[in-house]
């Protein structure tokens, strides 16, 4: 089914075939009444997602929820599920101190609203089965991309580190780390400042160990956004983000004990495949700089603790 037909299933009228505003998945901005809406693919547990996002919105979180329409929203179309959200006007993150603090505060508020159990029936994180072969294959792709773009990385050191992380992943299975409901994928490109941060992409909502969600923000908050800095948070910026976050969340001693391993595991899960599988990312100077800073931090995370 083409994009125009998908949009029309929601009763939205357009004359021309819409073009996705996001390169990695279908996201269409189309006119509706006096403004615009976003039509995009969402997760299959759309009802669970909507129940969750509606709940946190009712508790003061600025987050998109489905636009009321004459048709079902969200709805299954073909093998996928699509949703219509409001288009949020504002400006994108640029790395200003206040923006960083406010982003940390928002994530902390979201985490603080989580129930103690997975009452929204979100998908539960269970990715603890990485293999040495996956690391070997990914490193071959990373080495090839780095060489093509004249980027010098210590591939043996990185591979050894990733293999060590594979061997420690079972430590999490019975760790009893606190888990939370979260929109996940908390990155700058999923926020619009209005001027306060407004979450425009909650579609990866999941039940996950809380420090995994926090570690993902540390690693990839600046990913895929042209107005963001081209490295991960500096230690000073991380302190700003963390201070905003901890205004609403008190992390446990167990979480602090597992923090470095959490960073490493999320790197294995989220960053390794990004560097290995998305070849076009290596063509952009800013993304190559981000990759270099990620590797550097993985090897020496001392400035990115939780007690700052």
C-alpha atoms as a PDB file:
ATOM      1  CA  UNK A   1       0.000   0.000   0.000  1.00  0.00           C
ATOM      2  CA  UNK A   2       1.382   3.408  -0.946  1.00  0.00           C
ATOM      3  CA  UNK A   3       1.709   6.330   1.446  1.00  0.00           C
ATOM      4  CA  UNK A   4      -1.243   8.223   0.004  1.00  0.00           C
ATOM      5  CA  UNK A   5      -3.569   5.283   0.609  1.00  0.00           C
ATOM      6  CA  UNK A   6      -2.299   4.915   4.175  1.00  0.00           C
ATOM      7  CA  UNK A   7      -3.034   8.563   4.900  1.00  0.00           C
ATOM      8  CA  UNK A   8      -6.507   8.298   3.365  1.00  0.00           C
ATOM      9  CA  UNK A   9      -7.368   5.364   5.640  1.00  0.00           C
ATOM     10  CA  UNK A  10      -7.503   7.918   8.436  1.00  0.00           C
ATOM     11  CA  UNK A  11      -9.912  10.146   6.514  1.00  0.00           C
ATOM     12  CA  UNK A  12      -7.191  12.668   5.699  1.00  0.00           C
ATOM     13  CA  UNK A  13      -7.398  14.205   2.248  1.00  0.00           C
ATOM     14  CA  UNK A  14      -4.228  14.898   0.261  1.00  0.00           C
ATOM     15  CA  UNK A  15      -3.661  15.474  -3.433  1.00  0.00           C
ATOM     16  CA  UNK A  16      -0.110  14.230  -3.876  1.00  0.00           C
ATOM     17  CA  UNK A  17       1.877  11.259  -2.652  1.00  0.00           C
ATOM     18  CA  UNK A  18       3.468  12.329   0.668  1.00  0.00           C
ATOM     19  CA  UNK A  19       7.206  12.027   1.209  1.00  0.00           C
ATOM     20  CA  UNK A  20       8.551  10.750   4.512  1.00  0.00           C
ATOM     21  CA  UNK A  21      10.237  13.425   6.625  1.00  0.00           C
ATOM     22  CA  UNK A  22      12.357  10.744   8.314  1.00  0.00           C
ATOM     23  CA  UNK A  23      14.826   8.604   6.335  1.00  0.00           C
ATOM     24  CA  UNK A  24      14.599   5.421   8.395  1.00  0.00           C
ATOM     25  CA  UNK A  25      10.834   4.812   8.619  1.00  0.00           C
ATOM     26  CA  UNK A  26       7.576   6.187   7.176  1.00  0.00           C
ATOM     27  CA  UNK A  27       6.697   9.500   8.847  1.00  0.00           C
ATOM     28  CA  UNK A  28       4.397  11.820   6.912  1.00  0.00           C
ATOM     29  CA  UNK A  29       3.420  15.399   7.712  1.00  0.00           C
ATOM     30  CA  UNK A  30       0.015  16.160   6.212  1.00  0.00           C
ATOM     31  CA  UNK A  31      -2.503  19.015   6.560  1.00  0.00           C
ATOM     32  CA  UNK A  32      -5.510  18.559   8.839  1.00  0.00           C
ATOM     33  CA  UNK A  33      -8.086  21.196   9.725  1.00  0.00           C
ATOM     34  CA  UNK A  34      -6.185  24.362  10.681  1.00  0.00           C
ATOM     35  CA  UNK A  35      -2.833  22.706  11.248  1.00  0.00           C
ATOM     36  CA  UNK A  36      -0.813  19.620  10.399  1.00  0.00           C
ATOM     37  CA  UNK A  37      -0.638  16.100  11.740  1.00  0.00           C
ATOM     38  CA  UNK A  38       1.958  13.350  11.619  1.00  0.00           C
ATOM     39  CA  UNK A  39       1.063   9.941  10.203  1.00  0.00           C
ATOM     40  CA  UNK A  40       3.606   7.300  11.135  1.00  0.00           C
ATOM     41  CA  UNK A  41       4.152   3.622  11.759  1.00  0.00           C
ATOM     42  CA  UNK A  42       3.943   2.623  15.403  1.00  0.00           C
ATOM     43  CA  UNK A  43       4.397  -0.528  17.444  1.00  0.00           C
ATOM     44  CA  UNK A  44       2.006  -3.461  17.276  1.00  0.00           C
ATOM     45  CA  UNK A  45       0.958  -3.072  20.904  1.00  0.00           C
ATOM     46  CA  UNK A  46      -0.653   0.209  19.923  1.00  0.00           C
ATOM     47  CA  UNK A  47      -3.462   0.032  22.479  1.00  0.00           C
ATOM     48  CA  UNK A  48      -1.011  -0.602  25.312  1.00  0.00           C
ATOM     49  CA  UNK A  49       1.150   2.251  24.052  1.00  0.00           C
ATOM     50  CA  UNK A  50      -1.796   4.650  23.870  1.00  0.00           C
ATOM     51  CA  UNK A  51      -2.978   3.723  27.362  1.00  0.00           C
ATOM     52  CA  UNK A  52       0.504   4.410  28.677  1.00  0.00           C
ATOM     53  CA  UNK A  53       1.112   7.715  26.895  1.00  0.00           C
ATOM     54  CA  UNK A  54      -2.370   8.955  27.791  1.00  0.00           C
ATOM     55  CA  UNK A  55      -1.640   8.188  31.435  1.00  0.00           C
ATOM     56  CA  UNK A  56       1.625  10.115  31.584  1.00  0.00           C
ATOM     57  CA  UNK A  57       0.081  12.975  29.612  1.00  0.00           C
ATOM     58  CA  UNK A  58      -2.711  13.207  32.177  1.00  0.00           C
ATOM     59  CA  UNK A  59       0.026  13.477  34.802  1.00  0.00           C
ATOM     60  CA  UNK A  60       1.632  16.505  33.185  1.00  0.00           C
ATOM     61  CA  UNK A  61       4.082  15.015  30.678  1.00  0.00           C
ATOM     62  CA  UNK A  62       4.184  16.799  27.335  1.00  0.00           C
ATOM     63  CA  UNK A  63       3.884  13.865  24.953  1.00  0.00           C
ATOM     64  CA  UNK A  64       1.959  13.265  21.748  1.00  0.00           C
ATOM     65  CA  UNK A  65      -1.107  11.032  21.883  1.00  0.00           C
ATOM     66  CA  UNK A  66      -3.369   9.969  18.999  1.00  0.00           C
ATOM     67  CA  UNK A  67      -5.472  12.720  17.414  1.00  0.00           C
ATOM     68  CA  UNK A  68      -9.244  12.113  17.775  1.00  0.00           C
ATOM     69  CA  UNK A  69     -10.532  11.201  14.299  1.00  0.00           C
ATOM     70  CA  UNK A  70     -13.698   9.831  12.746  1.00  0.00           C
ATOM     71  CA  UNK A  71     -11.745   6.664  11.960  1.00  0.00           C
ATOM     72  CA  UNK A  72      -9.871   4.332  14.277  1.00  0.00           C
ATOM     73  CA  UNK A  73      -6.580   5.829  15.441  1.00  0.00           C
ATOM     74  CA  UNK A  74      -4.249   3.984  15.654  1.00  0.00           C
ATOM     75  CA  UNK A  75      -5.196   1.271  13.183  1.00  0.00           C
ATOM     76  CA  UNK A  76      -3.645  -1.751  11.511  1.00  0.00           C
ATOM     77  CA  UNK A  77      -2.970  -1.279   7.801  1.00  0.00           C
ATOM     78  CA  UNK A  78      -1.582  -4.306   6.034  1.00  0.00           C
ATOM     79  CA  UNK A  79       1.062  -5.897   8.234  1.00  0.00           C
ATOM     80  CA  UNK A  80       1.827  -2.687  10.119  1.00  0.00           C
ATOM     81  CA  UNK A  81       0.111  -0.384  12.582  1.00  0.00           C
ATOM     82  CA  UNK A  82      -0.106   3.353  11.968  1.00  0.00           C
ATOM     83  CA  UNK A  83      -1.049   6.298  14.158  1.00  0.00           C
ATOM     84  CA  UNK A  84      -1.862   9.976  13.663  1.00  0.00           C
ATOM     85  CA  UNK A  85      -0.270  12.431  16.099  1.00  0.00           C
ATOM     86  CA  UNK A  86      -0.492  16.213  16.258  1.00  0.00           C
ATOM     87  CA  UNK A  87       2.361  18.119  14.658  1.00  0.00           C
ATOM     88  CA  UNK A  88       4.147  20.016  17.423  1.00  0.00           C
ATOM     89  CA  UNK A  89       5.561  23.430  16.577  1.00  0.00           C
ATOM     90  CA  UNK A  90       8.726  24.618  18.264  1.00  0.00           C
ATOM     91  CA  UNK A  91      12.485  24.404  17.903  1.00  0.00           C
ATOM     92  CA  UNK A  92      14.992  21.593  18.065  1.00  0.00           C
ATOM     93  CA  UNK A  93      17.629  20.963  20.693  1.00  0.00           C
ATOM     94  CA  UNK A  94      20.974  22.691  20.195  1.00  0.00           C
ATOM     95  CA  UNK A  95      22.959  21.688  23.276  1.00  0.00           C
ATOM     96  CA  UNK A  96      22.228  24.722  25.450  1.00  0.00           C
ATOM     97  CA  UNK A  97      22.615  24.137  29.176  1.00  0.00           C
ATOM     98  CA  UNK A  98      18.959  24.857  29.931  1.00  0.00           C
ATOM     99  CA  UNK A  99      17.823  22.463  27.213  1.00  0.00           C
ATOM    100  CA  UNK A 100      19.979  19.723  28.709  1.00  0.00           C
ATOM    101  CA  UNK A 101      18.676  20.272  32.238  1.00  0.00           C
ATOM    102  CA  UNK A 102      15.065  20.328  31.044  1.00  0.00           C
ATOM    103  CA  UNK A 103      15.554  17.124  29.060  1.00  0.00           C
ATOM    104  CA  UNK A 104      16.960  15.402  32.140  1.00  0.00           C
ATOM    105  CA  UNK A 105      14.050  16.679  34.212  1.00  0.00           C
ATOM    106  CA  UNK A 106      11.570  15.336  31.668  1.00  0.00           C
ATOM    107  CA  UNK A 107      13.097  11.861  31.648  1.00  0.00           C
ATOM    108  CA  UNK A 108      13.165  11.867  35.439  1.00  0.00           C
ATOM    109  CA  UNK A 109       9.504  12.866  35.643  1.00  0.00           C
ATOM    110  CA  UNK A 110       8.584  10.135  33.168  1.00  0.00           C
ATOM    111  CA  UNK A 111      10.449   7.523  35.206  1.00  0.00           C
ATOM    112  CA  UNK A 112       8.921   8.766  38.448  1.00  0.00           C
ATOM    113  CA  UNK A 113       5.425   8.140  37.064  1.00  0.00           C
ATOM    114  CA  UNK A 114       6.070   4.489  36.248  1.00  0.00           C
ATOM    115  CA  UNK A 115       4.014   1.880  38.085  1.00  0.00           C
ATOM    116  CA  UNK A 116       5.935  -0.716  40.059  1.00  0.00           C
ATOM    117  CA  UNK A 117       4.628  -3.486  37.802  1.00  0.00           C
ATOM    118  CA  UNK A 118       4.073  -3.632  34.046  1.00  0.00           C
ATOM    119  CA  UNK A 119       0.386  -2.777  34.331  1.00  0.00           C
ATOM    120  CA  UNK A 120       0.284  -1.276  30.819  1.00  0.00           C
ATOM    121  CA  UNK A 121       1.422  -4.621  29.342  1.00  0.00           C
ATOM    122  CA  UNK A 122       4.243  -3.031  27.383  1.00  0.00           C
ATOM    123  CA  UNK A 123       6.789  -5.259  25.682  1.00  0.00           C
ATOM    124  CA  UNK A 124       9.465  -6.313  28.174  1.00  0.00           C
ATOM    125  CA  UNK A 125      13.162  -5.914  27.449  1.00  0.00           C
ATOM    126  CA  UNK A 126      14.906  -9.281  27.293  1.00  0.00           C
ATOM    127  CA  UNK A 127      17.899  -8.839  24.977  1.00  0.00           C
ATOM    128  CA  UNK A 128      20.571 -10.778  26.832  1.00  0.00           C
ATOM    129  CA  UNK A 129      21.591 -13.267  24.159  1.00  0.00           C
ATOM    130  CA  UNK A 130      24.354 -11.594  22.158  1.00  0.00           C
ATOM    131  CA  UNK A 131      27.020 -13.934  20.816  1.00  0.00           C
ATOM    132  CA  UNK A 132      30.707 -13.732  19.984  1.00  0.00           C
ATOM    133  CA  UNK A 133      29.819 -14.312  16.331  1.00  0.00           C
ATOM    134  CA  UNK A 134      27.632 -11.201  16.302  1.00  0.00           C
ATOM    135  CA  UNK A 135      30.517  -9.151  17.640  1.00  0.00           C
ATOM    136  CA  UNK A 136      32.920 -10.609  15.071  1.00  0.00           C
ATOM    137  CA  UNK A 137      30.538  -9.843  12.196  1.00  0.00           C
ATOM    138  CA  UNK A 138      29.769  -6.340  13.452  1.00  0.00           C
ATOM    139  CA  UNK A 139      33.435  -5.527  13.915  1.00  0.00           C
ATOM    140  CA  UNK A 140      34.165  -6.525  10.326  1.00  0.00           C
ATOM    141  CA  UNK A 141      31.562  -4.019   9.141  1.00  0.00           C
ATOM    142  CA  UNK A 142      32.803  -1.324  11.530  1.00  0.00           C
ATOM    143  CA  UNK A 143      36.424  -1.822  10.457  1.00  0.00           C
ATOM    144  CA  UNK A 144      35.455  -1.622   6.794  1.00  0.00           C
ATOM    145  CA  UNK A 145      33.460   1.593   7.240  1.00  0.00           C
ATOM    146  CA  UNK A 146      36.161   3.199   9.374  1.00  0.00           C
ATOM    147  CA  UNK A 147      38.833   2.350   6.801  1.00  0.00           C
ATOM    148  CA  UNK A 148      36.741   3.734   3.936  1.00  0.00           C
ATOM    149  CA  UNK A 149      36.508   7.078   5.708  1.00  0.00           C
ATOM    150  CA  UNK A 150      40.072   7.182   7.064  1.00  0.00           C
ATOM    151  CA  UNK A 151      38.944   6.895  10.674  1.00  0.00           C
ATOM    152  CA  UNK A 152      41.513   5.335  12.973  1.00  0.00           C
ATOM    153  CA  UNK A 153      40.085   3.092  15.674  1.00  0.00           C
ATOM    154  CA  UNK A 154      41.786   0.428  17.738  1.00  0.00           C
ATOM    155  CA  UNK A 155      39.624  -2.365  16.378  1.00  0.00           C
ATOM    156  CA  UNK A 156      41.325  -5.095  18.421  1.00  0.00           C
ATOM    157  CA  UNK A 157      40.748  -3.183  21.643  1.00  0.00           C
ATOM    158  CA  UNK A 158      37.126  -2.459  20.741  1.00  0.00           C
ATOM    159  CA  UNK A 159      36.427  -6.059  19.745  1.00  0.00           C
ATOM    160  CA  UNK A 160      37.972  -7.374  22.951  1.00  0.00           C
ATOM    161  CA  UNK A 161      35.825  -4.989  24.970  1.00  0.00           C
ATOM    162  CA  UNK A 162      32.648  -6.034  23.182  1.00  0.00           C
ATOM    163  CA  UNK A 163      33.461  -9.710  23.692  1.00  0.00           C
ATOM    164  CA  UNK A 164      33.918  -9.030  27.413  1.00  0.00           C
ATOM    165  CA  UNK A 165      30.489  -7.376  27.476  1.00  0.00           C
ATOM    166  CA  UNK A 166      28.944 -10.451  25.839  1.00  0.00           C
ATOM    167  CA  UNK A 167      30.344 -12.608  28.633  1.00  0.00           C
ATOM    168  CA  UNK A 168      28.880 -10.430  31.383  1.00  0.00           C
ATOM    169  CA  UNK A 169      25.345 -10.041  30.010  1.00  0.00           C
ATOM    170  CA  UNK A 170      23.956 -12.881  32.120  1.00  0.00           C
ATOM    171  CA  UNK A 171      24.700 -10.782  35.199  1.00  0.00           C
ATOM    172  CA  UNK A 172      21.516  -8.835  34.478  1.00  0.00           C
ATOM    173  CA  UNK A 173      19.095 -11.747  34.235  1.00  0.00           C
ATOM    174  CA  UNK A 174      18.591 -12.205  37.964  1.00  0.00           C
ATOM    175  CA  UNK A 175      19.866  -8.835  39.127  1.00  0.00           C
ATOM    176  CA  UNK A 176      16.494  -7.511  40.373  1.00  0.00           C
ATOM    177  CA  UNK A 177      17.270  -4.092  38.935  1.00  0.00           C
ATOM    178  CA  UNK A 178      14.250  -1.750  39.095  1.00  0.00           C
ATOM    179  CA  UNK A 179      12.341  -1.700  35.812  1.00  0.00           C
ATOM    180  CA  UNK A 180      10.069   1.055  34.576  1.00  0.00           C
ATOM    181  CA  UNK A 181       7.569   1.896  31.862  1.00  0.00           C
ATOM    182  CA  UNK A 182       9.140   4.424  29.527  1.00  0.00           C
ATOM    183  CA  UNK A 183       8.722   5.790  25.986  1.00  0.00           C
ATOM    184  CA  UNK A 184      12.373   4.733  25.549  1.00  0.00           C
ATOM    185  CA  UNK A 185      14.586   6.014  22.744  1.00  0.00           C
ATOM    186  CA  UNK A 186      14.914   9.278  24.703  1.00  0.00           C
ATOM    187  CA  UNK A 187      16.991  11.296  22.261  1.00  0.00           C
ATOM    188  CA  UNK A 188      17.150  14.938  21.276  1.00  0.00           C
ATOM    189  CA  UNK A 189      15.695  14.232  17.842  1.00  0.00           C
ATOM    190  CA  UNK A 190      12.538  12.959  19.534  1.00  0.00           C
ATOM    191  CA  UNK A 191      12.011  16.238  21.395  1.00  0.00           C
ATOM    192  CA  UNK A 192      10.643  19.588  20.274  1.00  0.00           C
ATOM    193  CA  UNK A 193      11.147  22.562  22.597  1.00  0.00           C
ATOM    194  CA  UNK A 194       7.992  24.649  22.976  1.00  0.00           C
ATOM    195  CA  UNK A 195      10.008  26.099  24.796  1.00  0.00           C
ATOM    196  CA  UNK A 196       9.788  23.182  27.285  1.00  0.00           C
ATOM    197  CA  UNK A 197      10.723  19.778  25.835  1.00  0.00           C
ATOM    198  CA  UNK A 198       7.799  17.966  24.220  1.00  0.00           C
ATOM    199  CA  UNK A 199       8.179  14.263  23.426  1.00  0.00           C
ATOM    200  CA  UNK A 200       7.101  13.637  19.826  1.00  0.00           C
ATOM    201  CA  UNK A 201       8.060   9.972  19.443  1.00  0.00           C
ATOM    202  CA  UNK A 202       6.918   7.675  22.258  1.00  0.00           C
ATOM    203  CA  UNK A 203       6.422   4.713  19.922  1.00  0.00           C
ATOM    204  CA  UNK A 204       9.212   2.566  21.339  1.00  0.00           C
ATOM    205  CA  UNK A 205       7.579   2.407  24.767  1.00  0.00           C
ATOM    206  CA  UNK A 206       8.796  -0.582  26.741  1.00  0.00           C
ATOM    207  CA  UNK A 207       9.222  -2.094  30.207  1.00  0.00           C
ATOM    208  CA  UNK A 208      12.974  -1.990  30.825  1.00  0.00           C
ATOM    209  CA  UNK A 209      15.563  -1.686  33.607  1.00  0.00           C
ATOM    210  CA  UNK A 210      15.590   1.976  34.555  1.00  0.00           C
ATOM    211  CA  UNK A 211      19.339   2.424  34.198  1.00  0.00           C
ATOM    212  CA  UNK A 212      19.219   0.953  30.684  1.00  0.00           C
ATOM    213  CA  UNK A 213      16.910   3.784  29.645  1.00  0.00           C
ATOM    214  CA  UNK A 214      19.195   6.303  31.327  1.00  0.00           C
ATOM    215  CA  UNK A 215      22.279   4.767  29.698  1.00  0.00           C
ATOM    216  CA  UNK A 216      20.673   5.044  26.266  1.00  0.00           C
ATOM    217  CA  UNK A 217      20.152   8.767  26.836  1.00  0.00           C
ATOM    218  CA  UNK A 218      23.815   9.120  27.794  1.00  0.00           C
ATOM    219  CA  UNK A 219      25.034   7.276  24.720  1.00  0.00           C
ATOM    220  CA  UNK A 220      22.739   8.458  21.943  1.00  0.00           C
ATOM    221  CA  UNK A 221      21.011  11.663  23.025  1.00  0.00           C
ATOM    222  CA  UNK A 222      22.892  13.574  20.314  1.00  0.00           C
ATOM    223  CA  UNK A 223      22.350  10.979  17.586  1.00  0.00           C
ATOM    224  CA  UNK A 224      20.800  11.911  14.219  1.00  0.00           C
ATOM    225  CA  UNK A 225      20.109  15.591  14.863  1.00  0.00           C
ATOM    226  CA  UNK A 226      21.879  18.260  12.840  1.00  0.00           C
ATOM    227  CA  UNK A 227      21.413  20.966  15.486  1.00  0.00           C
ATOM    228  CA  UNK A 228      22.917  18.840  18.278  1.00  0.00           C
ATOM    229  CA  UNK A 229      26.629  18.644  19.150  1.00  0.00           C
ATOM    230  CA  UNK A 230      28.552  16.019  17.172  1.00  0.00           C
ATOM    231  CA  UNK A 231      29.807  14.148  20.234  1.00  0.00           C
ATOM    232  CA  UNK A 232      28.158  12.547  23.235  1.00  0.00           C
ATOM    233  CA  UNK A 233      27.551  14.706  26.304  1.00  0.00           C
ATOM    234  CA  UNK A 234      30.695  16.225  27.748  1.00  0.00           C
ATOM    235  CA  UNK A 235      31.183  15.332  31.433  1.00  0.00           C
ATOM    236  CA  UNK A 236      29.844  18.796  32.330  1.00  0.00           C
ATOM    237  CA  UNK A 237      26.776  18.330  30.130  1.00  0.00           C
ATOM    238  CA  UNK A 238      26.185  14.871  31.580  1.00  0.00           C
ATOM    239  CA  UNK A 239      26.232  16.382  35.055  1.00  0.00           C
ATOM    240  CA  UNK A 240      23.613  18.932  33.967  1.00  0.00           C
ATOM    241  CA  UNK A 241      21.398  16.212  32.496  1.00  0.00           C
ATOM    242  CA  UNK A 242      21.844  13.972  35.525  1.00  0.00           C
ATOM    243  CA  UNK A 243      21.070  16.779  37.969  1.00  0.00           C
ATOM    244  CA  UNK A 244      17.837  17.467  36.094  1.00  0.00           C
ATOM    245  CA  UNK A 245      17.007  13.766  36.101  1.00  0.00           C
ATOM    246  CA  UNK A 246      17.737  13.241  39.795  1.00  0.00           C
ATOM    247  CA  UNK A 247      15.399  16.070  40.766  1.00  0.00           C
ATOM    248  CA  UNK A 248      12.645  13.474  40.325  1.00  0.00           C
ATOM    249  CA  UNK A 249      14.348  10.091  40.741  1.00  0.00           C
ATOM    250  CA  UNK A 250      16.429   8.544  43.504  1.00  0.00           C
ATOM    251  CA  UNK A 251      18.598   5.811  42.035  1.00  0.00           C
ATOM    252  CA  UNK A 252      19.277   2.745  44.166  1.00  0.00           C
ATOM    253  CA  UNK A 253      22.647   1.474  45.325  1.00  0.00           C
ATOM    254  CA  UNK A 254      22.111  -1.605  43.149  1.00  0.00           C
ATOM    255  CA  UNK A 255      21.656   0.606  40.085  1.00  0.00           C
ATOM    256  CA  UNK A 256      24.831   2.490  40.912  1.00  0.00           C
ATOM    257  CA  UNK A 257      26.655  -0.821  41.299  1.00  0.00           C
ATOM    258  CA  UNK A 258      25.507  -1.964  37.834  1.00  0.00           C
ATOM    259  CA  UNK A 259      25.848   1.395  36.078  1.00  0.00           C
ATOM    260  CA  UNK A 260      29.055   0.746  34.156  1.00  0.00           C
ATOM    261  CA  UNK A 261      27.835  -2.670  33.034  1.00  0.00           C
ATOM    262  CA  UNK A 262      24.559  -1.055  31.965  1.00  0.00           C
ATOM    263  CA  UNK A 263      26.411   1.462  29.786  1.00  0.00           C
ATOM    264  CA  UNK A 264      28.376  -1.378  28.235  1.00  0.00           C
ATOM    265  CA  UNK A 265      25.335  -3.544  27.589  1.00  0.00           C
ATOM    266  CA  UNK A 266      23.365  -0.715  25.990  1.00  0.00           C
ATOM    267  CA  UNK A 267      26.403   0.051  23.828  1.00  0.00           C
ATOM    268  CA  UNK A 268      26.400  -3.577  22.695  1.00  0.00           C
ATOM    269  CA  UNK A 269      22.663  -3.513  22.014  1.00  0.00           C
ATOM    270  CA  UNK A 270      22.168  -0.049  20.518  1.00  0.00           C
ATOM    271  CA  UNK A 271      25.512   1.367  19.380  1.00  0.00           C
ATOM    272  CA  UNK A 272      27.288  -1.664  17.941  1.00  0.00           C
ATOM    273  CA  UNK A 273      24.560  -2.357  15.391  1.00  0.00           C
ATOM    274  CA  UNK A 274      24.266   1.345  14.570  1.00  0.00           C
ATOM    275  CA  UNK A 275      27.950   1.518  13.707  1.00  0.00           C
ATOM    276  CA  UNK A 276      27.890  -1.800  11.857  1.00  0.00           C
ATOM    277  CA  UNK A 277      24.609  -1.758   9.957  1.00  0.00           C
ATOM    278  CA  UNK A 278      23.941   1.863   9.017  1.00  0.00           C
ATOM    279  CA  UNK A 279      26.688   2.457   6.464  1.00  0.00           C
ATOM    280  CA  UNK A 280      25.322   5.828   5.349  1.00  0.00           C
ATOM    281  CA  UNK A 281      25.918   7.220   8.847  1.00  0.00           C
ATOM    282  CA  UNK A 282      29.651   6.940   8.245  1.00  0.00           C
ATOM    283  CA  UNK A 283      29.340   9.299   5.281  1.00  0.00           C
ATOM    284  CA  UNK A 284      28.447  12.197   7.589  1.00  0.00           C
ATOM    285  CA  UNK A 285      31.321  13.902   9.393  1.00  0.00           C
ATOM    286  CA  UNK A 286      29.231  14.670  12.474  1.00  0.00           C
ATOM    287  CA  UNK A 287      28.169  11.037  12.818  1.00  0.00           C
ATOM    288  CA  UNK A 288      31.741   9.801  12.525  1.00  0.00           C
ATOM    289  CA  UNK A 289      32.718  12.195  15.314  1.00  0.00           C
ATOM    290  CA  UNK A 290      29.868  10.869  17.428  1.00  0.00           C
ATOM    291  CA  UNK A 291      31.041   7.293  16.861  1.00  0.00           C
ATOM    292  CA  UNK A 292      34.590   8.221  17.866  1.00  0.00           C
ATOM    293  CA  UNK A 293      33.367   9.860  21.070  1.00  0.00           C
ATOM    294  CA  UNK A 294      31.204   6.837  21.884  1.00  0.00           C
ATOM    295  CA  UNK A 295      34.144   4.458  21.574  1.00  0.00           C
ATOM    296  CA  UNK A 296      36.323   6.739  23.685  1.00  0.00           C
ATOM    297  CA  UNK A 297      33.712   6.883  26.443  1.00  0.00           C
ATOM    298  CA  UNK A 298      33.168   3.111  26.361  1.00  0.00           C
ATOM    299  CA  UNK A 299      36.863   2.572  27.000  1.00  0.00           C
ATOM    300  CA  UNK A 300      37.060   5.174  29.753  1.00  0.00           C
ATOM    301  CA  UNK A 301      33.662   5.976  31.353  1.00  0.00           C
ATOM    302  CA  UNK A 302      35.107   7.391  34.586  1.00  0.00           C
ATOM    303  CA  UNK A 303      33.647  10.861  33.949  1.00  0.00           C
ATOM    304  CA  UNK A 304      30.123   9.542  33.390  1.00  0.00           C
ATOM    305  CA  UNK A 305      29.084   8.177  36.745  1.00  0.00           C
ATOM    306  CA  UNK A 306      25.839   8.550  38.679  1.00  0.00           C
ATOM    307  CA  UNK A 307      27.219  10.393  41.717  1.00  0.00           C
ATOM    308  CA  UNK A 308      28.121  13.659  40.016  1.00  0.00           C
END
